[in-house]
């Protein structure tokens, strides 16, 4: 992707996202680029995936469900109860369809940035972690510790984020996607 194309993506996200979401998107993209540089991943891919990770976040629940139905994208029972969880799946679809991304690793990073998945690629881990720790985030427990660890051990950062996420979701009585539990178990048991 040429620099002007990345600039075009940035302008597209600014148009479709509210101000707070757009600031988050920029934070994720640049945090992902830094993690990519540190861990030997393609920086451009990290910027693209970070820029597009929430491209479907501002869609209504009805619109997310309608896109899934029309495109025959699977919807789990958890996602049916809380359609906003679909923004990652729909975002990965839109990345290809609307933004012409063909690299499957970028598409997977967008798809798995909220729940994770067992056996994530380096780019998938980077986007998952960058989404959690970008500079605009303030509320997460152990955030400063996770920010430090992420630059030396992505798997440890993944495990800490998943632990904190599951604790928060259980404590607040929120819907927990089964994939998040499976991802936590995978990294807790030493998965790479």
N, C-alpha and C. Protein backbone atom coordinates (compact mmCIF):
# COMPACT_ATOMS: atom_id res chain seq x y z
N UNK A 1 0.85 -1.18 0.00
CA UNK A 1 0.00 0.00 0.00
C UNK A 1 0.89 1.23 0.00
N UNK A 2 0.60 2.14 -0.86
CA UNK A 2 1.37 3.38 -0.97
C UNK A 2 0.93 4.36 0.12
N UNK A 3 1.84 5.30 0.50
CA UNK A 3 1.48 6.25 1.58
C UNK A 3 0.17 6.99 1.33
N UNK A 4 -0.12 7.36 0.08
CA UNK A 4 -1.37 8.07 -0.18
C UNK A 4 -2.59 7.17 0.04
N UNK A 5 -2.41 5.85 -0.13
CA UNK A 5 -3.52 4.93 0.11
C UNK A 5 -3.80 4.80 1.60
N UNK A 6 -2.74 4.79 2.41
CA UNK A 6 -2.93 4.76 3.85
C UNK A 6 -3.60 6.05 4.32
N UNK A 7 -3.20 7.16 3.73
CA UNK A 7 -3.82 8.44 4.04
C UNK A 7 -5.30 8.42 3.66
N UNK A 8 -5.62 7.78 2.55
CA UNK A 8 -7.02 7.65 2.12
C UNK A 8 -7.82 6.82 3.14
N UNK A 9 -7.24 5.72 3.62
CA UNK A 9 -7.90 4.92 4.65
C UNK A 9 -8.17 5.75 5.90
N UNK A 10 -7.16 6.53 6.30
CA UNK A 10 -7.30 7.37 7.48
C UNK A 10 -8.47 8.35 7.30
N UNK A 11 -8.57 8.96 6.12
CA UNK A 11 -9.66 9.90 5.86
C UNK A 11 -11.01 9.19 5.84
N UNK A 12 -11.05 7.96 5.32
CA UNK A 12 -12.30 7.18 5.31
C UNK A 12 -12.76 6.90 6.74
N UNK A 13 -11.83 6.51 7.61
CA UNK A 13 -12.19 6.21 9.00
C UNK A 13 -12.64 7.48 9.71
N UNK A 14 -12.03 8.61 9.41
CA UNK A 14 -12.44 9.86 10.03
C UNK A 14 -13.88 10.21 9.64
N UNK A 15 -14.27 9.86 8.42
CA UNK A 15 -15.63 10.14 7.94
C UNK A 15 -16.68 9.25 8.60
N UNK A 16 -16.35 7.97 8.80
CA UNK A 16 -17.37 7.02 9.27
C UNK A 16 -17.40 6.84 10.78
N UNK A 17 -16.37 7.32 11.48
CA UNK A 17 -16.31 7.13 12.93
C UNK A 17 -16.52 8.46 13.65
N UNK A 18 -17.11 8.38 14.84
CA UNK A 18 -17.21 9.60 15.64
C UNK A 18 -15.81 9.97 16.14
N UNK A 19 -15.67 11.15 16.69
CA UNK A 19 -14.36 11.66 17.09
C UNK A 19 -13.61 10.77 18.05
N UNK A 20 -14.30 10.27 19.06
CA UNK A 20 -13.66 9.42 20.06
C UNK A 20 -13.19 8.10 19.45
N UNK A 21 -14.02 7.50 18.61
CA UNK A 21 -13.66 6.24 17.95
C UNK A 21 -12.49 6.45 17.00
N UNK A 22 -12.50 7.57 16.29
CA UNK A 22 -11.41 7.86 15.35
C UNK A 22 -10.08 8.04 16.10
N UNK A 23 -10.10 8.73 17.22
CA UNK A 23 -8.88 8.89 18.03
C UNK A 23 -8.37 7.53 18.50
N UNK A 24 -9.31 6.67 18.91
CA UNK A 24 -8.94 5.31 19.31
C UNK A 24 -8.29 4.57 18.13
N UNK A 25 -8.89 4.69 16.96
CA UNK A 25 -8.37 4.03 15.77
C UNK A 25 -6.94 4.46 15.47
N UNK A 26 -6.69 5.76 15.52
CA UNK A 26 -5.33 6.26 15.30
C UNK A 26 -4.37 5.71 16.36
N UNK A 27 -4.82 5.68 17.60
CA UNK A 27 -3.99 5.14 18.68
C UNK A 27 -3.64 3.68 18.46
N UNK A 28 -4.63 2.89 18.02
CA UNK A 28 -4.38 1.48 17.75
C UNK A 28 -3.41 1.32 16.57
N UNK A 29 -3.63 2.08 15.51
CA UNK A 29 -2.77 1.95 14.33
C UNK A 29 -1.31 2.26 14.68
N UNK A 30 -1.09 3.34 15.40
CA UNK A 30 0.29 3.71 15.71
C UNK A 30 0.91 2.84 16.80
N UNK A 31 0.11 2.38 17.74
CA UNK A 31 0.62 1.42 18.73
C UNK A 31 0.99 0.11 18.03
N UNK A 32 0.14 -0.33 17.12
CA UNK A 32 0.42 -1.56 16.36
C UNK A 32 1.70 -1.42 15.54
N UNK A 33 1.91 -0.26 14.92
CA UNK A 33 3.13 -0.04 14.14
C UNK A 33 4.36 -0.13 15.03
N UNK A 34 4.28 0.42 16.22
CA UNK A 34 5.42 0.34 17.15
C UNK A 34 5.67 -1.09 17.61
N UNK A 35 4.60 -1.82 17.93
CA UNK A 35 4.77 -3.22 18.32
C UNK A 35 5.33 -4.03 17.15
N UNK A 36 4.87 -3.74 15.94
CA UNK A 36 5.36 -4.45 14.75
C UNK A 36 6.86 -4.20 14.57
N UNK A 37 7.29 -2.96 14.72
CA UNK A 37 8.71 -2.64 14.59
C UNK A 37 9.53 -3.38 15.64
N UNK A 38 9.01 -3.47 16.84
CA UNK A 38 9.71 -4.13 17.94
C UNK A 38 9.81 -5.64 17.75
N UNK A 39 8.75 -6.25 17.20
CA UNK A 39 8.68 -7.71 17.12
C UNK A 39 8.93 -8.28 15.72
N UNK A 40 9.30 -7.44 14.77
CA UNK A 40 9.67 -7.92 13.45
C UNK A 40 8.50 -8.24 12.52
N UNK A 41 7.37 -7.57 12.72
CA UNK A 41 6.22 -7.74 11.84
C UNK A 41 6.22 -6.60 10.82
N UNK A 42 5.51 -6.79 9.73
CA UNK A 42 5.39 -5.78 8.68
C UNK A 42 4.65 -4.55 9.24
N UNK A 43 5.33 -3.42 9.29
CA UNK A 43 4.77 -2.21 9.88
C UNK A 43 3.57 -1.71 9.09
N UNK A 44 3.66 -1.75 7.78
CA UNK A 44 2.55 -1.30 6.94
C UNK A 44 1.30 -2.14 7.19
N UNK A 45 1.46 -3.45 7.32
CA UNK A 45 0.32 -4.32 7.59
C UNK A 45 -0.29 -3.99 8.95
N UNK A 46 0.57 -3.69 9.92
CA UNK A 46 0.07 -3.33 11.25
C UNK A 46 -0.71 -2.01 11.19
N UNK A 47 -0.21 -1.04 10.43
CA UNK A 47 -0.92 0.24 10.29
C UNK A 47 -2.29 0.03 9.63
N UNK A 48 -2.32 -0.76 8.57
CA UNK A 48 -3.57 -1.00 7.85
C UNK A 48 -4.58 -1.71 8.74
N UNK A 49 -4.14 -2.79 9.39
CA UNK A 49 -5.05 -3.54 10.26
C UNK A 49 -5.52 -2.67 11.42
N UNK A 50 -4.62 -1.89 12.00
CA UNK A 50 -5.01 -0.99 13.08
C UNK A 50 -6.00 0.07 12.62
N UNK A 51 -5.77 0.59 11.42
CA UNK A 51 -6.66 1.63 10.89
C UNK A 51 -8.07 1.07 10.62
N UNK A 52 -8.14 -0.18 10.21
CA UNK A 52 -9.43 -0.77 9.82
C UNK A 52 -10.08 -1.63 10.91
N UNK A 53 -9.41 -1.85 12.03
CA UNK A 53 -9.92 -2.83 12.99
C UNK A 53 -11.34 -2.51 13.47
N UNK A 54 -11.70 -1.24 13.56
CA UNK A 54 -13.05 -0.85 14.03
C UNK A 54 -13.88 -0.22 12.91
N UNK A 55 -13.62 -0.61 11.67
CA UNK A 55 -14.34 0.02 10.55
C UNK A 55 -15.84 -0.27 10.58
N UNK A 56 -16.27 -1.29 11.33
CA UNK A 56 -17.70 -1.60 11.45
C UNK A 56 -18.24 -1.27 12.84
N UNK A 57 -17.44 -0.67 13.68
CA UNK A 57 -17.82 -0.43 15.08
C UNK A 57 -19.00 0.53 15.22
N UNK A 58 -19.12 1.49 14.33
CA UNK A 58 -20.20 2.48 14.45
C UNK A 58 -21.50 2.05 13.77
N UNK A 59 -21.54 0.83 13.25
CA UNK A 59 -22.77 0.32 12.65
C UNK A 59 -23.74 -0.11 13.74
N UNK A 60 -25.02 0.06 13.50
CA UNK A 60 -26.04 -0.36 14.48
C UNK A 60 -26.07 -1.88 14.57
N UNK A 61 -26.64 -2.38 15.66
CA UNK A 61 -26.82 -3.82 15.83
C UNK A 61 -27.60 -4.40 14.65
N UNK A 62 -28.63 -3.69 14.24
CA UNK A 62 -29.47 -4.16 13.13
C UNK A 62 -28.67 -4.28 11.84
N UNK A 63 -27.83 -3.28 11.58
CA UNK A 63 -27.01 -3.28 10.36
C UNK A 63 -25.98 -4.41 10.41
N UNK A 64 -25.36 -4.62 11.57
CA UNK A 64 -24.39 -5.71 11.71
C UNK A 64 -25.05 -7.06 11.43
N UNK A 65 -26.23 -7.28 12.03
CA UNK A 65 -26.95 -8.54 11.81
C UNK A 65 -27.39 -8.68 10.35
N UNK A 66 -27.82 -7.58 9.74
CA UNK A 66 -28.27 -7.63 8.34
C UNK A 66 -27.12 -7.98 7.40
N UNK A 67 -25.94 -7.41 7.64
CA UNK A 67 -24.78 -7.74 6.81
C UNK A 67 -24.42 -9.21 6.97
N UNK A 68 -24.44 -9.70 8.20
CA UNK A 68 -24.13 -11.11 8.44
C UNK A 68 -25.12 -12.01 7.71
N UNK A 69 -26.40 -11.66 7.79
CA UNK A 69 -27.41 -12.47 7.13
C UNK A 69 -27.22 -12.45 5.61
N UNK A 70 -27.04 -11.26 5.06
CA UNK A 70 -26.90 -11.12 3.60
C UNK A 70 -25.65 -11.82 3.08
N UNK A 71 -24.55 -11.73 3.82
CA UNK A 71 -23.28 -12.31 3.38
C UNK A 71 -23.07 -13.73 3.90
N UNK A 72 -24.08 -14.25 4.63
CA UNK A 72 -24.01 -15.59 5.20
C UNK A 72 -22.80 -15.77 6.12
N UNK A 73 -22.56 -14.72 6.92
CA UNK A 73 -21.50 -14.78 7.93
C UNK A 73 -22.09 -15.41 9.18
N UNK A 74 -21.38 -16.33 9.82
CA UNK A 74 -21.94 -17.01 11.00
C UNK A 74 -22.15 -16.04 12.16
N UNK A 75 -23.18 -16.31 12.94
CA UNK A 75 -23.50 -15.52 14.13
C UNK A 75 -23.71 -16.50 15.28
N UNK A 76 -22.88 -16.39 16.31
CA UNK A 76 -23.00 -17.29 17.47
C UNK A 76 -24.16 -16.86 18.35
N UNK A 77 -24.50 -17.71 19.30
CA UNK A 77 -25.57 -17.38 20.26
C UNK A 77 -25.19 -16.13 21.06
N UNK A 78 -23.91 -16.02 21.45
CA UNK A 78 -23.44 -14.86 22.19
C UNK A 78 -23.58 -13.59 21.35
N UNK A 79 -23.23 -13.70 20.06
CA UNK A 79 -23.32 -12.54 19.17
C UNK A 79 -24.77 -12.16 18.88
N UNK A 80 -25.64 -13.14 18.86
CA UNK A 80 -27.06 -12.86 18.66
C UNK A 80 -27.59 -12.04 19.84
N UNK A 81 -27.13 -12.37 21.06
CA UNK A 81 -27.54 -11.64 22.25
C UNK A 81 -26.93 -10.24 22.29
N UNK A 82 -25.68 -10.14 21.81
CA UNK A 82 -24.97 -8.86 21.84
C UNK A 82 -24.34 -8.63 20.46
N UNK A 83 -25.12 -8.14 19.50
CA UNK A 83 -24.64 -7.98 18.11
C UNK A 83 -23.41 -7.09 17.95
N UNK A 84 -23.15 -6.21 18.90
CA UNK A 84 -21.96 -5.36 18.77
C UNK A 84 -20.68 -6.20 18.70
N UNK A 85 -20.73 -7.43 19.23
CA UNK A 85 -19.58 -8.33 19.12
C UNK A 85 -19.25 -8.65 17.66
N UNK A 86 -20.21 -8.47 16.78
CA UNK A 86 -20.03 -8.79 15.36
C UNK A 86 -19.19 -7.75 14.62
N UNK A 87 -18.86 -6.64 15.27
CA UNK A 87 -18.15 -5.59 14.53
C UNK A 87 -16.81 -6.08 13.97
N UNK A 88 -16.17 -7.02 14.65
CA UNK A 88 -14.89 -7.53 14.16
C UNK A 88 -15.09 -8.41 12.92
N UNK A 89 -16.07 -9.29 12.97
CA UNK A 89 -16.35 -10.16 11.82
C UNK A 89 -16.80 -9.34 10.62
N UNK A 90 -17.73 -8.42 10.85
CA UNK A 90 -18.21 -7.58 9.76
C UNK A 90 -17.09 -6.66 9.27
N UNK A 91 -16.28 -6.18 10.19
CA UNK A 91 -15.14 -5.34 9.80
C UNK A 91 -14.17 -6.07 8.90
N UNK A 92 -13.92 -7.34 9.18
CA UNK A 92 -13.01 -8.11 8.32
C UNK A 92 -13.62 -8.30 6.93
N UNK A 93 -14.93 -8.47 6.88
CA UNK A 93 -15.62 -8.57 5.59
C UNK A 93 -15.51 -7.23 4.84
N UNK A 94 -15.79 -6.13 5.52
CA UNK A 94 -15.73 -4.81 4.88
C UNK A 94 -14.30 -4.45 4.45
N UNK A 95 -13.31 -4.91 5.21
CA UNK A 95 -11.92 -4.64 4.83
C UNK A 95 -11.64 -5.15 3.42
N UNK A 96 -12.14 -6.34 3.13
CA UNK A 96 -11.97 -6.89 1.79
C UNK A 96 -12.89 -6.26 0.77
N UNK A 97 -14.15 -6.15 1.09
CA UNK A 97 -15.17 -5.70 0.13
C UNK A 97 -15.09 -4.20 -0.15
N UNK A 98 -15.02 -3.39 0.89
CA UNK A 98 -15.07 -1.93 0.73
C UNK A 98 -13.70 -1.27 0.62
N UNK A 99 -12.71 -1.87 1.29
CA UNK A 99 -11.38 -1.24 1.34
C UNK A 99 -10.33 -2.01 0.55
N UNK A 100 -10.76 -3.06 -0.12
CA UNK A 100 -9.93 -3.81 -1.08
C UNK A 100 -8.66 -4.41 -0.47
N UNK A 101 -8.75 -4.85 0.76
CA UNK A 101 -7.63 -5.54 1.41
C UNK A 101 -7.69 -7.00 1.01
N UNK A 102 -6.59 -7.51 0.49
CA UNK A 102 -6.54 -8.90 0.04
C UNK A 102 -5.65 -9.77 0.91
N UNK A 103 -4.82 -9.16 1.74
CA UNK A 103 -3.91 -9.93 2.59
C UNK A 103 -4.71 -10.61 3.70
N UNK A 104 -4.71 -11.93 3.71
CA UNK A 104 -5.52 -12.68 4.68
C UNK A 104 -5.07 -12.46 6.11
N UNK A 105 -3.79 -12.21 6.33
CA UNK A 105 -3.31 -11.97 7.69
C UNK A 105 -3.89 -10.66 8.24
N UNK A 106 -4.00 -9.64 7.40
CA UNK A 106 -4.61 -8.38 7.83
C UNK A 106 -6.10 -8.61 8.14
N UNK A 107 -6.77 -9.32 7.25
CA UNK A 107 -8.19 -9.61 7.45
C UNK A 107 -8.40 -10.40 8.73
N UNK A 108 -7.55 -11.40 8.98
CA UNK A 108 -7.65 -12.18 10.22
C UNK A 108 -7.40 -11.32 11.46
N UNK A 109 -6.45 -10.40 11.36
CA UNK A 109 -6.15 -9.53 12.51
C UNK A 109 -7.37 -8.67 12.87
N UNK A 110 -8.07 -8.19 11.85
CA UNK A 110 -9.29 -7.42 12.09
C UNK A 110 -10.37 -8.32 12.69
N UNK A 111 -10.51 -9.49 12.11
CA UNK A 111 -11.54 -10.44 12.53
C UNK A 111 -11.39 -10.87 13.99
N UNK A 112 -10.15 -11.05 14.44
CA UNK A 112 -9.90 -11.61 15.77
C UNK A 112 -9.46 -10.59 16.82
N UNK A 113 -9.63 -9.31 16.54
CA UNK A 113 -9.08 -8.32 17.47
C UNK A 113 -9.86 -8.18 18.78
N UNK A 114 -11.06 -8.71 18.86
CA UNK A 114 -11.82 -8.58 20.12
C UNK A 114 -11.78 -9.85 20.96
N UNK A 115 -11.93 -11.01 20.35
CA UNK A 115 -11.97 -12.26 21.11
C UNK A 115 -10.64 -12.98 21.12
N UNK A 116 -9.78 -12.67 20.16
CA UNK A 116 -8.59 -13.48 19.96
C UNK A 116 -9.00 -14.81 19.38
N UNK A 117 -8.03 -15.71 19.28
CA UNK A 117 -8.27 -17.09 18.88
C UNK A 117 -7.03 -17.89 19.24
N UNK A 118 -7.18 -19.17 19.50
CA UNK A 118 -5.98 -19.98 19.74
C UNK A 118 -5.08 -19.96 18.51
N UNK A 119 -3.77 -19.86 18.73
CA UNK A 119 -2.81 -19.93 17.65
C UNK A 119 -2.77 -18.70 16.75
N UNK A 120 -2.91 -17.54 17.34
CA UNK A 120 -2.91 -16.30 16.56
C UNK A 120 -1.56 -16.04 15.90
N UNK A 121 -1.61 -15.39 14.72
CA UNK A 121 -0.39 -14.97 14.05
C UNK A 121 0.21 -13.78 14.82
N UNK A 122 1.42 -13.42 14.48
CA UNK A 122 2.08 -12.28 15.11
C UNK A 122 1.26 -11.01 14.90
N UNK A 123 0.78 -10.77 13.68
CA UNK A 123 -0.02 -9.57 13.41
C UNK A 123 -1.33 -9.59 14.19
N UNK A 124 -1.98 -10.74 14.28
CA UNK A 124 -3.22 -10.84 15.05
C UNK A 124 -2.99 -10.46 16.52
N UNK A 125 -1.90 -10.97 17.10
CA UNK A 125 -1.58 -10.63 18.49
C UNK A 125 -1.33 -9.13 18.63
N UNK A 126 -0.60 -8.57 17.69
CA UNK A 126 -0.26 -7.15 17.76
C UNK A 126 -1.53 -6.29 17.74
N UNK A 127 -2.47 -6.59 16.86
CA UNK A 127 -3.70 -5.79 16.78
C UNK A 127 -4.56 -6.00 18.03
N UNK A 128 -4.67 -7.23 18.49
CA UNK A 128 -5.42 -7.52 19.72
C UNK A 128 -4.86 -6.71 20.89
N UNK A 129 -3.55 -6.74 21.05
CA UNK A 129 -2.89 -6.05 22.16
C UNK A 129 -2.96 -4.52 21.99
N UNK A 130 -2.71 -4.04 20.77
CA UNK A 130 -2.74 -2.60 20.51
C UNK A 130 -4.13 -2.03 20.80
N UNK A 131 -5.16 -2.79 20.48
CA UNK A 131 -6.54 -2.35 20.74
C UNK A 131 -6.76 -2.15 22.24
N UNK A 132 -6.15 -2.98 23.04
CA UNK A 132 -6.32 -2.92 24.49
C UNK A 132 -5.48 -1.82 25.13
N UNK A 133 -4.28 -1.58 24.60
CA UNK A 133 -3.34 -0.73 25.33
C UNK A 133 -3.02 0.61 24.67
N UNK A 134 -3.73 0.95 23.59
CA UNK A 134 -3.41 2.22 22.92
C UNK A 134 -3.47 3.37 23.91
N UNK A 135 -2.77 4.47 23.62
CA UNK A 135 -2.61 5.55 24.60
C UNK A 135 -3.90 6.15 25.14
N UNK A 136 -5.00 6.08 24.40
CA UNK A 136 -6.26 6.64 24.88
C UNK A 136 -6.95 5.81 25.94
N UNK A 137 -6.53 4.56 26.09
CA UNK A 137 -7.12 3.70 27.13
C UNK A 137 -6.61 4.15 28.49
N UNK A 138 -7.53 4.22 29.43
CA UNK A 138 -7.14 4.69 30.78
C UNK A 138 -7.62 3.76 31.89
N UNK A 139 -8.68 2.98 31.67
CA UNK A 139 -9.38 2.30 32.74
C UNK A 139 -8.92 0.88 33.05
N UNK A 140 -8.26 0.22 32.14
CA UNK A 140 -7.98 -1.21 32.29
C UNK A 140 -7.03 -1.48 33.45
N UNK A 141 -7.29 -2.56 34.21
CA UNK A 141 -6.36 -2.94 35.28
C UNK A 141 -5.03 -3.40 34.68
N UNK A 142 -3.98 -3.20 35.40
CA UNK A 142 -2.62 -3.61 35.01
C UNK A 142 -2.18 -3.02 33.67
N UNK A 143 -2.79 -1.93 33.26
CA UNK A 143 -2.53 -1.37 31.94
C UNK A 143 -1.07 -0.99 31.75
N UNK A 144 -0.49 -0.31 32.71
CA UNK A 144 0.92 0.11 32.57
C UNK A 144 1.85 -1.11 32.50
N UNK A 145 1.55 -2.12 33.29
CA UNK A 145 2.35 -3.34 33.27
C UNK A 145 2.22 -4.04 31.91
N UNK A 146 1.01 -4.12 31.38
CA UNK A 146 0.78 -4.74 30.08
C UNK A 146 1.51 -3.95 28.99
N UNK A 147 1.47 -2.62 29.07
CA UNK A 147 2.17 -1.80 28.07
C UNK A 147 3.67 -2.09 28.07
N UNK A 148 4.25 -2.29 29.22
CA UNK A 148 5.69 -2.60 29.28
C UNK A 148 5.97 -4.00 28.75
N UNK A 149 5.19 -4.97 29.20
CA UNK A 149 5.42 -6.38 28.83
C UNK A 149 5.21 -6.61 27.34
N UNK A 150 4.27 -5.90 26.73
CA UNK A 150 3.94 -6.12 25.31
C UNK A 150 5.15 -5.92 24.41
N UNK A 151 6.09 -5.10 24.81
CA UNK A 151 7.25 -4.86 23.96
C UNK A 151 8.35 -5.91 24.14
N UNK A 152 8.16 -6.81 25.11
CA UNK A 152 9.13 -7.89 25.29
C UNK A 152 8.52 -9.28 25.16
N UNK A 153 7.24 -9.44 25.49
CA UNK A 153 6.61 -10.77 25.47
C UNK A 153 5.13 -10.66 25.11
N UNK A 154 4.83 -10.82 23.83
CA UNK A 154 3.45 -10.69 23.37
C UNK A 154 2.53 -11.74 23.99
N UNK A 155 3.03 -12.96 24.16
CA UNK A 155 2.18 -14.01 24.72
C UNK A 155 1.81 -13.72 26.17
N UNK A 156 2.74 -13.19 26.94
CA UNK A 156 2.43 -12.82 28.32
C UNK A 156 1.42 -11.67 28.35
N UNK A 157 1.59 -10.71 27.47
CA UNK A 157 0.63 -9.60 27.38
C UNK A 157 -0.75 -10.13 26.99
N UNK A 158 -0.79 -11.06 26.05
CA UNK A 158 -2.07 -11.67 25.64
C UNK A 158 -2.76 -12.30 26.84
N UNK A 159 -2.02 -13.10 27.58
CA UNK A 159 -2.59 -13.81 28.73
C UNK A 159 -3.12 -12.82 29.78
N UNK A 160 -2.37 -11.79 30.05
CA UNK A 160 -2.81 -10.80 31.04
C UNK A 160 -4.08 -10.08 30.58
N UNK A 161 -4.14 -9.71 29.31
CA UNK A 161 -5.32 -9.04 28.77
C UNK A 161 -6.53 -9.96 28.83
N UNK A 162 -6.34 -11.21 28.44
CA UNK A 162 -7.45 -12.17 28.45
C UNK A 162 -7.94 -12.42 29.88
N UNK A 163 -7.02 -12.54 30.84
CA UNK A 163 -7.41 -12.70 32.24
C UNK A 163 -8.25 -11.52 32.71
N UNK A 164 -7.74 -10.33 32.44
CA UNK A 164 -8.45 -9.12 32.88
C UNK A 164 -9.79 -8.98 32.19
N UNK A 165 -9.86 -9.32 30.92
CA UNK A 165 -11.11 -9.23 30.16
C UNK A 165 -12.14 -10.20 30.71
N UNK A 166 -11.74 -11.45 30.91
CA UNK A 166 -12.68 -12.44 31.44
C UNK A 166 -13.17 -12.05 32.83
N UNK A 167 -12.26 -11.57 33.67
CA UNK A 167 -12.66 -11.15 35.01
C UNK A 167 -13.68 -10.01 34.92
N UNK A 168 -13.40 -9.02 34.08
CA UNK A 168 -14.32 -7.89 33.93
C UNK A 168 -15.68 -8.34 33.41
N UNK A 169 -15.70 -9.18 32.40
CA UNK A 169 -16.97 -9.64 31.82
C UNK A 169 -17.78 -10.46 32.83
N UNK A 170 -17.09 -11.34 33.58
CA UNK A 170 -17.78 -12.14 34.58
C UNK A 170 -18.31 -11.25 35.70
N UNK A 171 -17.48 -10.32 36.15
CA UNK A 171 -17.85 -9.44 37.25
C UNK A 171 -19.03 -8.53 36.89
N UNK A 172 -19.09 -8.11 35.64
CA UNK A 172 -20.16 -7.21 35.21
C UNK A 172 -21.39 -7.94 34.67
N UNK A 173 -21.32 -9.28 34.62
CA UNK A 173 -22.46 -10.06 34.12
C UNK A 173 -22.66 -9.94 32.62
N UNK A 174 -21.61 -9.56 31.90
CA UNK A 174 -21.70 -9.39 30.44
C UNK A 174 -21.59 -10.73 29.72
N UNK A 175 -21.99 -10.70 28.46
CA UNK A 175 -21.88 -11.88 27.60
C UNK A 175 -20.40 -12.16 27.35
N UNK A 176 -20.02 -13.43 27.49
CA UNK A 176 -18.64 -13.83 27.22
C UNK A 176 -18.64 -14.74 26.00
N UNK A 177 -17.94 -14.32 24.97
CA UNK A 177 -17.83 -15.12 23.77
C UNK A 177 -16.98 -16.36 24.06
N UNK A 178 -17.42 -17.51 23.59
CA UNK A 178 -16.71 -18.76 23.84
C UNK A 178 -15.28 -18.72 23.31
N UNK A 179 -15.06 -18.01 22.22
CA UNK A 179 -13.71 -17.93 21.64
C UNK A 179 -12.75 -17.25 22.60
N UNK A 180 -13.23 -16.28 23.36
CA UNK A 180 -12.37 -15.60 24.33
C UNK A 180 -11.91 -16.60 25.39
N UNK A 181 -12.82 -17.44 25.86
CA UNK A 181 -12.44 -18.48 26.84
C UNK A 181 -11.43 -19.45 26.25
N UNK A 182 -11.68 -19.89 25.03
CA UNK A 182 -10.77 -20.83 24.36
C UNK A 182 -9.39 -20.21 24.15
N UNK A 183 -9.37 -18.93 23.80
CA UNK A 183 -8.10 -18.24 23.59
C UNK A 183 -7.34 -18.13 24.91
N UNK A 184 -8.05 -17.79 25.98
CA UNK A 184 -7.42 -17.72 27.30
C UNK A 184 -6.83 -19.07 27.68
N UNK A 185 -7.60 -20.13 27.53
CA UNK A 185 -7.10 -21.47 27.88
C UNK A 185 -5.87 -21.82 27.06
N UNK A 186 -5.87 -21.48 25.80
CA UNK A 186 -4.75 -21.77 24.90
C UNK A 186 -3.46 -21.10 25.40
N UNK A 187 -3.54 -19.80 25.69
CA UNK A 187 -2.33 -19.08 26.15
C UNK A 187 -1.97 -19.42 27.59
N UNK A 188 -2.95 -19.72 28.42
CA UNK A 188 -2.66 -20.13 29.81
C UNK A 188 -1.88 -21.46 29.82
N UNK A 189 -2.20 -22.32 28.85
CA UNK A 189 -1.54 -23.62 28.78
C UNK A 189 -0.28 -23.61 27.93
N UNK A 190 0.29 -22.43 27.73
CA UNK A 190 1.58 -22.32 27.05
C UNK A 190 1.55 -22.24 25.55
N UNK A 191 0.37 -22.03 24.97
CA UNK A 191 0.27 -21.92 23.52
C UNK A 191 1.04 -20.73 23.01
N UNK A 192 1.54 -20.86 21.82
CA UNK A 192 2.30 -19.77 21.18
C UNK A 192 1.49 -19.26 20.06
